[in-house]
Amino acid sequence: MKRAGFVALIGEPNAGKSTLTNRMVGAKVSIVTHKVQTTRARIRGVAIEGESQIVFVDTPGLFRPRRRLDRAMVAAAWGGAADADIVVLMVEAHRGITEGVEAILEGLEEIAQGRKVALAINKIDMVKSEKLLGLAQDLNSRYDFVETFMISAEKGHGAEHLRAWLAAELPEGPWLYPEDQIADLPLRMIAAEMTREKLTLRLHQELPYQLTVETEKWEERKDGSARVDQLIYVMRDGHKGIVLGKGGETIKAVSTAARAELTEFLGRKVHLFLQVKVRPNWLEESERYSEMGLDFKDGNT
């Protein structure tokens, strides 16, 4: 019997949600960097396990929002959990029950009604086993999780066990996506995320969340290749200089890395063209949020 449904991965920023999504799906559909709050929209990755189709909703990390973009991201995270059949709370083993985790546990009471909630303690290779057991007991005393998993999303420990359990727990019904589809994000958005990841990795000290990337044009060529034009929006002239780098070396390196990854992802040649534009108020423009898959209204105070 076929099964299909949505699984929301929730947790604090950097809990490993994107890494786990990518491992489960077996392809890179979610941006992974060492900076927190890098996932901006609910990215869905589709995994097949036997007769089950598991659609992962990789939500932004839950944190205390300060700006409009933060608020829209947090709303997207809770919205992703409310739309799912199963919710998996990810907690970092070495950090334990932080203030942020406590806040999520409180929010779960309201959001999780009528759906199964499992616990995944991630990064288990970073602590001793007795500490792990104590953390699992403590978390289960605070919330009635249906199942607890010990995993390392990065190394793969426990991930198959979690995926098999999810596959068996999803509701019966037809698959939601074609068998060969691994993500329901438009290619334009995936391409923009890839470039943004490369920028974040390269500029992590200078420009944390002050930029965004949009795919402006996507042209299919007769020879089977694609021409992709992207705009990088920054807030100040000084930021533009940082993104370009001395003699344009930074933007060239970012373009080369993003082109290589997009070429591999699509399995064909890609011509990538990047342009940097200064838009001081891009964080307050609704079109920018739409491009990120977020709802501008969710950022209202």
C-alpha atoms as a PDB file:
ATOM      1  CA  MET A   1       0.000   0.000   0.000  1.00  0.00           C
ATOM      2  CA  LYS A   2       1.376   3.391  -0.971  1.00  0.00           C
ATOM      3  CA  ARG A   3       1.877   6.059   1.662  1.00  0.00           C
ATOM      4  CA  ALA A   4       2.681   9.756   1.359  1.00  0.00           C
ATOM      5  CA  GLY A   5       2.804  12.786   3.582  1.00  0.00           C
ATOM      6  CA  PHE A   6       4.668  15.778   4.923  1.00  0.00           C
ATOM      7  CA  VAL A   7       7.323  15.681   7.626  1.00  0.00           C
ATOM      8  CA  ALA A   8       8.348  18.994   9.220  1.00  0.00           C
ATOM      9  CA  LEU A   9      11.800  19.251  10.733  1.00  0.00           C
ATOM     10  CA  ILE A  10      11.826  21.973  13.381  1.00  0.00           C
ATOM     11  CA  GLY A  11      14.429  23.214  15.819  1.00  0.00           C
ATOM     12  CA  GLU A  12      16.770  26.042  16.635  1.00  0.00           C
ATOM     13  CA  PRO A  13      19.004  27.570  13.957  1.00  0.00           C
ATOM     14  CA  ASN A  14      21.920  25.261  13.118  1.00  0.00           C
ATOM     15  CA  ALA A  15      20.267  22.191  14.699  1.00  0.00           C
ATOM     16  CA  GLY A  16      21.050  20.257  11.498  1.00  0.00           C
ATOM     17  CA  LYS A  17      17.670  20.358   9.751  1.00  0.00           C
ATOM     18  CA  SER A  18      19.068  21.183   6.314  1.00  0.00           C
ATOM     19  CA  THR A  19      21.824  18.569   6.624  1.00  0.00           C
ATOM     20  CA  LEU A  20      19.259  15.919   7.566  1.00  0.00           C
ATOM     21  CA  THR A  21      16.936  16.915   4.698  1.00  0.00           C
ATOM     22  CA  ASN A  22      19.775  16.581   2.209  1.00  0.00           C
ATOM     23  CA  ARG A  23      20.830  13.200   3.650  1.00  0.00           C
ATOM     24  CA  MET A  24      17.270  11.836   3.582  1.00  0.00           C
ATOM     25  CA  VAL A  25      16.653  12.997   0.021  1.00  0.00           C
ATOM     26  CA  GLY A  26      20.110  12.016  -1.211  1.00  0.00           C
ATOM     27  CA  ALA A  27      20.617  15.312  -3.036  1.00  0.00           C
ATOM     28  CA  LYS A  28      21.406  18.860  -2.105  1.00  0.00           C
ATOM     29  CA  VAL A  29      18.084  20.697  -1.944  1.00  0.00           C
ATOM     30  CA  SER A  30      18.653  22.809   1.149  1.00  0.00           C
ATOM     31  CA  ILE A  31      21.349  25.404   1.693  1.00  0.00           C
ATOM     32  CA  VAL A  32      23.868  24.280   4.320  1.00  0.00           C
ATOM     33  CA  THR A  33      26.354  26.743   5.799  1.00  0.00           C
ATOM     34  CA  HIS A  34      27.923  27.277   9.182  1.00  0.00           C
ATOM     35  CA  LYS A  35      25.897  30.460   9.645  1.00  0.00           C
ATOM     36  CA  VAL A  36      22.644  30.296  11.563  1.00  0.00           C
ATOM     37  CA  GLN A  37      19.321  31.258   9.976  1.00  0.00           C
ATOM     38  CA  THR A  38      20.417  30.370   6.457  1.00  0.00           C
ATOM     39  CA  THR A  39      17.228  28.524   5.485  1.00  0.00           C
ATOM     40  CA  ARG A  40      14.727  31.243   4.629  1.00  0.00           C
ATOM     41  CA  ALA A  41      11.798  29.369   3.105  1.00  0.00           C
ATOM     42  CA  ARG A  42      10.140  26.011   3.662  1.00  0.00           C
ATOM     43  CA  ILE A  43      12.210  23.917   1.315  1.00  0.00           C
ATOM     44  CA  ARG A  44      10.653  20.587   0.491  1.00  0.00           C
ATOM     45  CA  GLY A  45      12.787  17.598  -0.347  1.00  0.00           C
ATOM     46  CA  VAL A  46      11.149  14.378  -1.515  1.00  0.00           C
ATOM     47  CA  ALA A  47      12.486  10.989  -0.401  1.00  0.00           C
ATOM     48  CA  ILE A  48      11.294   7.534  -1.440  1.00  0.00           C
ATOM     49  CA  GLU A  49      11.436   4.730   1.133  1.00  0.00           C
ATOM     50  CA  GLY A  50       9.865   1.490  -0.136  1.00  0.00           C
ATOM     51  CA  GLU A  51       6.233   2.254  -0.964  1.00  0.00           C
ATOM     52  CA  SER A  52       6.290   5.561   0.912  1.00  0.00           C
ATOM     53  CA  GLN A  53       6.967   9.059  -0.360  1.00  0.00           C
ATOM     54  CA  ILE A  54       8.263  11.313   2.414  1.00  0.00           C
ATOM     55  CA  VAL A  55       8.060  15.039   1.718  1.00  0.00           C
ATOM     56  CA  PHE A  56      10.417  16.909   4.043  1.00  0.00           C
ATOM     57  CA  VAL A  57       9.513  20.452   4.984  1.00  0.00           C
ATOM     58  CA  ASP A  58      12.819  21.966   6.035  1.00  0.00           C
ATOM     59  CA  THR A  59      11.785  24.984   8.069  1.00  0.00           C
ATOM     60  CA  PRO A  60      13.848  28.014   9.062  1.00  0.00           C
ATOM     61  CA  GLY A  61      15.311  27.762  12.557  1.00  0.00           C
ATOM     62  CA  LEU A  62      13.049  28.958  15.349  1.00  0.00           C
ATOM     63  CA  PHE A  63      14.557  31.910  17.208  1.00  0.00           C
ATOM     64  CA  ARG A  64      13.530  35.216  18.733  1.00  0.00           C
ATOM     65  CA  PRO A  65      12.721  37.483  15.762  1.00  0.00           C
ATOM     66  CA  ARG A  66      13.879  41.094  15.678  1.00  0.00           C
ATOM     67  CA  ARG A  67      13.374  42.258  12.096  1.00  0.00           C
ATOM     68  CA  ARG A  68      10.647  41.819   9.508  1.00  0.00           C
ATOM     69  CA  LEU A  69      12.654  39.112   7.706  1.00  0.00           C
ATOM     70  CA  ASP A  70      13.160  37.279  11.031  1.00  0.00           C
ATOM     71  CA  ARG A  71       9.438  37.384  11.792  1.00  0.00           C
ATOM     72  CA  ALA A  72       8.515  36.085   8.339  1.00  0.00           C
ATOM     73  CA  MET A  73      11.021  33.231   8.738  1.00  0.00           C
ATOM     74  CA  VAL A  74       9.659  32.214  12.163  1.00  0.00           C
ATOM     75  CA  ALA A  75       6.081  32.333  10.842  1.00  0.00           C
ATOM     76  CA  ALA A  76       7.173  30.083   7.959  1.00  0.00           C
ATOM     77  CA  ALA A  77       8.719  27.612  10.415  1.00  0.00           C
ATOM     78  CA  TRP A  78       5.630  27.272  12.595  1.00  0.00           C
ATOM     79  CA  GLY A  79       3.448  27.217   9.468  1.00  0.00           C
ATOM     80  CA  GLY A  80       5.499  24.306   8.143  1.00  0.00           C
ATOM     81  CA  ALA A  81       4.920  22.363  11.351  1.00  0.00           C
ATOM     82  CA  ALA A  82       1.182  23.103  11.316  1.00  0.00           C
ATOM     83  CA  ASP A  83       0.887  21.790   7.729  1.00  0.00           C
ATOM     84  CA  ALA A  84       2.715  18.498   8.376  1.00  0.00           C
ATOM     85  CA  ASP A  85       1.546  14.964   9.123  1.00  0.00           C
ATOM     86  CA  ILE A  86       4.552  14.307  11.360  1.00  0.00           C
ATOM     87  CA  VAL A  87       6.770  16.810  13.187  1.00  0.00           C
ATOM     88  CA  VAL A  88      10.359  15.993  14.141  1.00  0.00           C
ATOM     89  CA  LEU A  89      11.978  18.238  16.734  1.00  0.00           C
ATOM     90  CA  MET A  90      15.755  18.325  16.321  1.00  0.00           C
ATOM     91  CA  VAL A  91      17.888  19.127  19.363  1.00  0.00           C
ATOM     92  CA  GLU A  92      21.686  19.383  19.379  1.00  0.00           C
ATOM     93  CA  ALA A  93      23.137  16.813  21.793  1.00  0.00           C
ATOM     94  CA  HIS A  94      25.993  19.009  23.022  1.00  0.00           C
ATOM     95  CA  ARG A  95      23.825  22.084  23.585  1.00  0.00           C
ATOM     96  CA  GLY A  96      20.946  20.288  25.281  1.00  0.00           C
ATOM     97  CA  ILE A  97      17.846  22.132  26.472  1.00  0.00           C
ATOM     98  CA  THR A  98      18.571  25.773  25.739  1.00  0.00           C
ATOM     99  CA  GLU A  99      16.156  28.687  26.197  1.00  0.00           C
ATOM    100  CA  GLY A 100      15.318  28.331  22.524  1.00  0.00           C
ATOM    101  CA  VAL A 101      14.465  24.631  22.865  1.00  0.00           C
ATOM    102  CA  GLU A 102      12.277  25.411  25.885  1.00  0.00           C
ATOM    103  CA  ALA A 103      10.393  28.036  23.845  1.00  0.00           C
ATOM    104  CA  ILE A 104       9.839  25.517  21.023  1.00  0.00           C
ATOM    105  CA  LEU A 105       8.553  22.896  23.481  1.00  0.00           C
ATOM    106  CA  GLU A 106       5.982  25.437  24.704  1.00  0.00           C
ATOM    107  CA  GLY A 107       4.920  26.244  21.136  1.00  0.00           C
ATOM    108  CA  LEU A 108       4.590  22.545  20.307  1.00  0.00           C
ATOM    109  CA  GLU A 109       1.672  22.071  22.699  1.00  0.00           C
ATOM    110  CA  GLU A 110      -0.464  24.284  20.495  1.00  0.00           C
ATOM    111  CA  ILE A 111       0.869  23.465  17.030  1.00  0.00           C
ATOM    112  CA  ALA A 112       1.159  19.680  17.282  1.00  0.00           C
ATOM    113  CA  GLN A 113      -2.398  18.737  18.118  1.00  0.00           C
ATOM    114  CA  GLY A 114      -3.582  15.843  15.984  1.00  0.00           C
ATOM    115  CA  ARG A 115      -0.142  14.992  14.604  1.00  0.00           C
ATOM    116  CA  LYS A 116       2.692  12.763  15.712  1.00  0.00           C
ATOM    117  CA  VAL A 117       5.756  14.481  17.128  1.00  0.00           C
ATOM    118  CA  ALA A 118       9.077  12.647  17.289  1.00  0.00           C
ATOM    119  CA  LEU A 119      12.354  13.735  18.867  1.00  0.00           C
ATOM    120  CA  ALA A 120      15.694  13.521  17.046  1.00  0.00           C
ATOM    121  CA  ILE A 121      18.772  14.234  19.147  1.00  0.00           C
ATOM    122  CA  ASN A 122      21.402  15.249  16.606  1.00  0.00           C
ATOM    123  CA  LYS A 123      25.229  15.422  16.687  1.00  0.00           C
ATOM    124  CA  ILE A 124      25.375  12.432  19.048  1.00  0.00           C
ATOM    125  CA  ASP A 125      29.060  11.916  18.235  1.00  0.00           C
ATOM    126  CA  MET A 126      29.837  15.077  20.223  1.00  0.00           C
ATOM    127  CA  VAL A 127      28.778  13.783  23.685  1.00  0.00           C
ATOM    128  CA  LYS A 128      29.082  10.669  25.861  1.00  0.00           C
ATOM    129  CA  SER A 129      26.247   8.119  25.825  1.00  0.00           C
ATOM    130  CA  GLU A 130      25.203   8.632  29.473  1.00  0.00           C
ATOM    131  CA  LYS A 131      24.676  12.354  28.804  1.00  0.00           C
ATOM    132  CA  LEU A 132      22.571  11.442  25.754  1.00  0.00           C
ATOM    133  CA  LEU A 133      20.290   9.188  27.779  1.00  0.00           C
ATOM    134  CA  GLY A 134      19.843  11.875  30.435  1.00  0.00           C
ATOM    135  CA  LEU A 135      18.968  14.472  27.774  1.00  0.00           C
ATOM    136  CA  ALA A 136      16.459  12.106  26.120  1.00  0.00           C
ATOM    137  CA  GLN A 137      14.767  11.439  29.466  1.00  0.00           C
ATOM    138  CA  ASP A 138      14.644  15.133  30.327  1.00  0.00           C
ATOM    139  CA  LEU A 139      13.098  16.073  26.964  1.00  0.00           C
ATOM    140  CA  ASN A 140      10.552  13.256  27.148  1.00  0.00           C
ATOM    141  CA  SER A 141       9.512  14.383  30.618  1.00  0.00           C
ATOM    142  CA  ARG A 142       8.706  17.815  29.158  1.00  0.00           C
ATOM    143  CA  TYR A 143       6.805  16.609  26.083  1.00  0.00           C
ATOM    144  CA  ASP A 144       5.185  13.298  25.178  1.00  0.00           C
ATOM    145  CA  PHE A 145       7.169  12.366  22.049  1.00  0.00           C
ATOM    146  CA  VAL A 146       5.914   9.279  20.195  1.00  0.00           C
ATOM    147  CA  GLU A 147       9.481   8.163  19.446  1.00  0.00           C
ATOM    148  CA  THR A 148      13.052   9.276  20.175  1.00  0.00           C
ATOM    149  CA  PHE A 149      15.942   8.917  17.713  1.00  0.00           C
ATOM    150  CA  MET A 150      19.673   9.372  18.266  1.00  0.00           C
ATOM    151  CA  ILE A 151      21.251  10.581  15.037  1.00  0.00           C
ATOM    152  CA  SER A 152      24.167  12.285  13.363  1.00  0.00           C
ATOM    153  CA  ALA A 153      22.747  14.033  10.308  1.00  0.00           C
ATOM    154  CA  GLU A 154      26.242  14.807   9.053  1.00  0.00           C
ATOM    155  CA  LYS A 155      27.702  11.317   9.434  1.00  0.00           C
ATOM    156  CA  GLY A 156      24.468   9.413   8.798  1.00  0.00           C
ATOM    157  CA  HIS A 157      24.207   7.522  12.105  1.00  0.00           C
ATOM    158  CA  GLY A 158      20.579   6.648  12.849  1.00  0.00           C
ATOM    159  CA  ALA A 159      19.239   8.445   9.764  1.00  0.00           C
ATOM    160  CA  GLU A 160      18.056   5.258   8.025  1.00  0.00           C
ATOM    161  CA  HIS A 161      16.225   4.110  11.150  1.00  0.00           C
ATOM    162  CA  LEU A 162      14.443   7.472  11.339  1.00  0.00           C
ATOM    163  CA  ARG A 163      13.557   7.394   7.643  1.00  0.00           C
ATOM    164  CA  ALA A 164      12.135   3.841   7.897  1.00  0.00           C
ATOM    165  CA  TRP A 165      10.008   4.871  10.883  1.00  0.00           C
ATOM    166  CA  LEU A 166       8.687   7.959   9.083  1.00  0.00           C
ATOM    167  CA  ALA A 167       7.838   5.883   5.989  1.00  0.00           C
ATOM    168  CA  ALA A 168       5.764   3.462   8.088  1.00  0.00           C
ATOM    169  CA  GLU A 169       3.945   6.216  10.006  1.00  0.00           C
ATOM    170  CA  LEU A 170       2.759   8.345   7.057  1.00  0.00           C
ATOM    171  CA  PRO A 171      -0.913   8.147   6.027  1.00  0.00           C
ATOM    172  CA  GLU A 172      -1.938   5.737   3.285  1.00  0.00           C
ATOM    173  CA  GLY A 173      -2.629   7.335  -0.064  1.00  0.00           C
ATOM    174  CA  PRO A 174      -1.219   8.140  -3.518  1.00  0.00           C
ATOM    175  CA  TRP A 175       2.161   9.812  -3.915  1.00  0.00           C
ATOM    176  CA  LEU A 176       2.123  13.605  -4.011  1.00  0.00           C
ATOM    177  CA  TYR A 177       4.938  14.155  -6.521  1.00  0.00           C
ATOM    178  CA  PRO A 178       6.292  12.396  -9.622  1.00  0.00           C
ATOM    179  CA  GLU A 179       8.786   9.659  -8.732  1.00  0.00           C
ATOM    180  CA  ASP A 180      11.793  11.498 -10.177  1.00  0.00           C
ATOM    181  CA  GLN A 181      11.100  14.846  -8.483  1.00  0.00           C
ATOM    182  CA  ILE A 182      13.271  15.629  -5.466  1.00  0.00           C
ATOM    183  CA  ALA A 183      12.090  19.137  -4.583  1.00  0.00           C
ATOM    184  CA  ASP A 184       9.022  21.269  -5.221  1.00  0.00           C
ATOM    185  CA  LEU A 185      10.934  24.546  -5.286  1.00  0.00           C
ATOM    186  CA  PRO A 186      11.159  26.133  -8.720  1.00  0.00           C
ATOM    187  CA  LEU A 187      14.583  25.710 -10.309  1.00  0.00           C
ATOM    188  CA  ARG A 188      14.988  29.488 -10.321  1.00  0.00           C
ATOM    189  CA  MET A 189      14.780  29.516  -6.529  1.00  0.00           C
ATOM    190  CA  ILE A 190      17.105  26.531  -6.089  1.00  0.00           C
ATOM    191  CA  ALA A 191      19.650  28.267  -8.340  1.00  0.00           C
ATOM    192  CA  ALA A 192      19.382  31.483  -6.294  1.00  0.00           C
ATOM    193  CA  GLU A 193      19.864  29.512  -3.071  1.00  0.00           C
ATOM    194  CA  MET A 194      23.011  27.899  -4.455  1.00  0.00           C
ATOM    195  CA  THR A 195      24.535  31.288  -5.246  1.00  0.00           C
ATOM    196  CA  ARG A 196      23.471  32.680  -1.867  1.00  0.00           C
ATOM    197  CA  GLU A 197      25.136  29.735  -0.139  1.00  0.00           C
ATOM    198  CA  LYS A 198      28.412  30.421  -1.931  1.00  0.00           C
ATOM    199  CA  LEU A 199      28.199  34.112  -0.964  1.00  0.00           C
ATOM    200  CA  THR A 200      27.446  33.230   2.670  1.00  0.00           C
ATOM    201  CA  LEU A 201      30.360  30.819   2.857  1.00  0.00           C
ATOM    202  CA  ARG A 202      32.750  33.367   1.398  1.00  0.00           C
ATOM    203  CA  LEU A 203      31.518  36.506   3.156  1.00  0.00           C
ATOM    204  CA  HIS A 204      30.352  35.073   6.462  1.00  0.00           C
ATOM    205  CA  GLN A 205      32.253  37.653   8.513  1.00  0.00           C
ATOM    206  CA  GLU A 206      31.306  40.736   6.531  1.00  0.00           C
ATOM    207  CA  LEU A 207      27.731  40.335   5.314  1.00  0.00           C
ATOM    208  CA  PRO A 208      25.642  37.963   7.376  1.00  0.00           C
ATOM    209  CA  TYR A 209      22.042  38.621   6.324  1.00  0.00           C
ATOM    210  CA  GLN A 210      22.361  41.851   4.378  1.00  0.00           C
ATOM    211  CA  LEU A 211      22.024  40.325   0.932  1.00  0.00           C
ATOM    212  CA  THR A 212      19.633  38.265  -1.132  1.00  0.00           C
ATOM    213  CA  VAL A 213      19.872  36.597  -4.554  1.00  0.00           C
ATOM    214  CA  GLU A 214      17.174  36.403  -7.219  1.00  0.00           C
ATOM    215  CA  THR A 215      17.173  34.572 -10.526  1.00  0.00           C
ATOM    216  CA  GLU A 216      16.085  37.260 -12.958  1.00  0.00           C
ATOM    217  CA  LYS A 217      16.159  35.268 -16.213  1.00  0.00           C
ATOM    218  CA  TRP A 218      16.349  31.596 -17.143  1.00  0.00           C
ATOM    219  CA  GLU A 219      16.900  30.869 -20.806  1.00  0.00           C
ATOM    220  CA  GLU A 220      17.016  27.361 -22.261  1.00  0.00           C
ATOM    221  CA  ARG A 221      19.545  27.184 -25.116  1.00  0.00           C
ATOM    222  CA  LYS A 222      19.205  25.043 -28.262  1.00  0.00           C
ATOM    223  CA  ASP A 223      22.392  23.147 -27.408  1.00  0.00           C
ATOM    224  CA  GLY A 224      20.783  21.883 -24.176  1.00  0.00           C
ATOM    225  CA  SER A 225      22.583  24.347 -21.899  1.00  0.00           C
ATOM    226  CA  ALA A 226      20.918  27.073 -19.847  1.00  0.00           C
ATOM    227  CA  ARG A 227      21.737  30.752 -19.397  1.00  0.00           C
ATOM    228  CA  VAL A 228      20.944  31.953 -15.886  1.00  0.00           C
ATOM    229  CA  ASP A 229      21.038  35.658 -14.954  1.00  0.00           C
ATOM    230  CA  GLN A 230      20.963  36.490 -11.260  1.00  0.00           C
ATOM    231  CA  LEU A 231      20.798  39.708  -9.248  1.00  0.00           C
ATOM    232  CA  ILE A 232      22.492  40.041  -5.877  1.00  0.00           C
ATOM    233  CA  TYR A 233      20.778  42.740  -3.812  1.00  0.00           C
ATOM    234  CA  VAL A 234      22.800  44.485  -1.097  1.00  0.00           C
ATOM    235  CA  MET A 235      21.867  47.366   1.176  1.00  0.00           C
ATOM    236  CA  ARG A 236      24.862  49.700   0.818  1.00  0.00           C
ATOM    237  CA  ASP A 237      27.513  50.734  -1.707  1.00  0.00           C
ATOM    238  CA  GLY A 238      30.162  49.428   0.683  1.00  0.00           C
ATOM    239  CA  HIS A 239      28.490  46.004   0.616  1.00  0.00           C
ATOM    240  CA  LYS A 240      28.627  46.020  -3.168  1.00  0.00           C
ATOM    241  CA  GLY A 241      32.398  46.488  -3.011  1.00  0.00           C
ATOM    242  CA  ILE A 242      32.723  43.575  -0.591  1.00  0.00           C
ATOM    243  CA  VAL A 243      30.662  41.266  -2.830  1.00  0.00           C
ATOM    244  CA  LEU A 244      32.656  42.250  -5.922  1.00  0.00           C
ATOM    245  CA  GLY A 245      36.017  41.940  -4.134  1.00  0.00           C
ATOM    246  CA  LYS A 246      39.363  43.349  -5.203  1.00  0.00           C
ATOM    247  CA  GLY A 247      39.465  43.348  -8.995  1.00  0.00           C
ATOM    248  CA  GLY A 248      36.181  41.398  -9.013  1.00  0.00           C
ATOM    249  CA  GLU A 249      37.864  38.312  -7.547  1.00  0.00           C
ATOM    250  CA  THR A 250      35.121  37.547  -4.980  1.00  0.00           C
ATOM    251  CA  ILE A 251      32.212  37.651  -7.424  1.00  0.00           C
ATOM    252  CA  LYS A 252      34.236  35.566  -9.916  1.00  0.00           C
ATOM    253  CA  ALA A 253      34.972  32.890  -7.307  1.00  0.00           C
ATOM    254  CA  VAL A 254      31.315  32.820  -6.187  1.00  0.00           C
ATOM    255  CA  SER A 255      30.120  32.596  -9.789  1.00  0.00           C
ATOM    256  CA  THR A 256      32.517  29.736 -10.585  1.00  0.00           C
ATOM    257  CA  ALA A 257      31.488  27.744  -7.502  1.00  0.00           C
ATOM    258  CA  ALA A 258      27.746  28.320  -8.008  1.00  0.00           C
ATOM    259  CA  ARG A 259      27.989  27.483 -11.718  1.00  0.00           C
ATOM    260  CA  ALA A 260      29.790  24.214 -10.962  1.00  0.00           C
ATOM    261  CA  GLU A 261      27.172  23.158  -8.414  1.00  0.00           C
ATOM    262  CA  LEU A 262      24.228  24.125 -10.624  1.00  0.00           C
ATOM    263  CA  THR A 263      25.791  22.282 -13.577  1.00  0.00           C
ATOM    264  CA  GLU A 264      26.153  19.152 -11.460  1.00  0.00           C
ATOM    265  CA  PHE A 265      22.619  19.513 -10.077  1.00  0.00           C
ATOM    266  CA  LEU A 266      21.043  19.878 -13.537  1.00  0.00           C
ATOM    267  CA  GLY A 267      23.395  17.467 -15.302  1.00  0.00           C
ATOM    268  CA  ARG A 268      24.045  19.936 -18.133  1.00  0.00           C
ATOM    269  CA  LYS A 269      26.065  23.028 -18.930  1.00  0.00           C
ATOM    270  CA  VAL A 270      25.069  26.303 -17.283  1.00  0.00           C
ATOM    271  CA  HIS A 271      26.145  29.845 -18.193  1.00  0.00           C
ATOM    272  CA  LEU A 272      25.767  31.906 -15.019  1.00  0.00           C
ATOM    273  CA  PHE A 273      25.845  35.724 -14.982  1.00  0.00           C
ATOM    274  CA  LEU A 274      25.813  37.630 -11.693  1.00  0.00           C
ATOM    275  CA  GLN A 275      25.109  41.323 -11.182  1.00  0.00           C
ATOM    276  CA  VAL A 276      25.221  43.255  -7.893  1.00  0.00           C
ATOM    277  CA  LYS A 277      22.647  45.983  -7.201  1.00  0.00           C
ATOM    278  CA  VAL A 278      22.323  48.313  -4.226  1.00  0.00           C
ATOM    279  CA  ARG A 279      18.779  48.431  -2.809  1.00  0.00           C
ATOM    280  CA  PRO A 280      18.868  50.027   0.656  1.00  0.00           C
ATOM    281  CA  ASN A 281      15.314  48.915   1.510  1.00  0.00           C
ATOM    282  CA  TRP A 282      15.156  45.408   0.055  1.00  0.00           C
ATOM    283  CA  LEU A 283      14.262  44.010   3.507  1.00  0.00           C
ATOM    284  CA  GLU A 284      11.020  46.035   3.336  1.00  0.00           C
ATOM    285  CA  GLU A 285       9.982  45.093  -0.231  1.00  0.00           C
ATOM    286  CA  SER A 286       7.272  42.461  -0.578  1.00  0.00           C
ATOM    287  CA  GLU A 287       8.610  41.193  -3.944  1.00  0.00           C
ATOM    288  CA  ARG A 288      11.886  40.134  -2.285  1.00  0.00           C
ATOM    289  CA  TYR A 289       9.945  37.979   0.178  1.00  0.00           C
ATOM    290  CA  SER A 290       7.919  36.349  -2.600  1.00  0.00           C
ATOM    291  CA  GLU A 291      11.180  35.424  -4.344  1.00  0.00           C
ATOM    292  CA  MET A 292      12.340  33.731  -1.116  1.00  0.00           C
ATOM    293  CA  GLY A 293       9.066  31.824  -0.751  1.00  0.00           C
ATOM    294  CA  LEU A 294       8.107  33.824   2.351  1.00  0.00           C
ATOM    295  CA  ASP A 295       4.966  35.821   3.103  1.00  0.00           C
ATOM    296  CA  PHE A 296       5.701  39.553   3.503  1.00  0.00           C
ATOM    297  CA  LYS A 297       2.662  39.944   5.785  1.00  0.00           C
ATOM    298  CA  ASP A 298       4.127  37.388   8.223  1.00  0.00           C
ATOM    299  CA  GLY A 299       6.836  39.935   9.006  1.00  0.00           C
ATOM    300  CA  ASN A 300       4.378  42.450  10.461  1.00  0.00           C
ATOM    301  CA  THR A 301       4.769  43.227  14.122  1.00  0.00           C
END
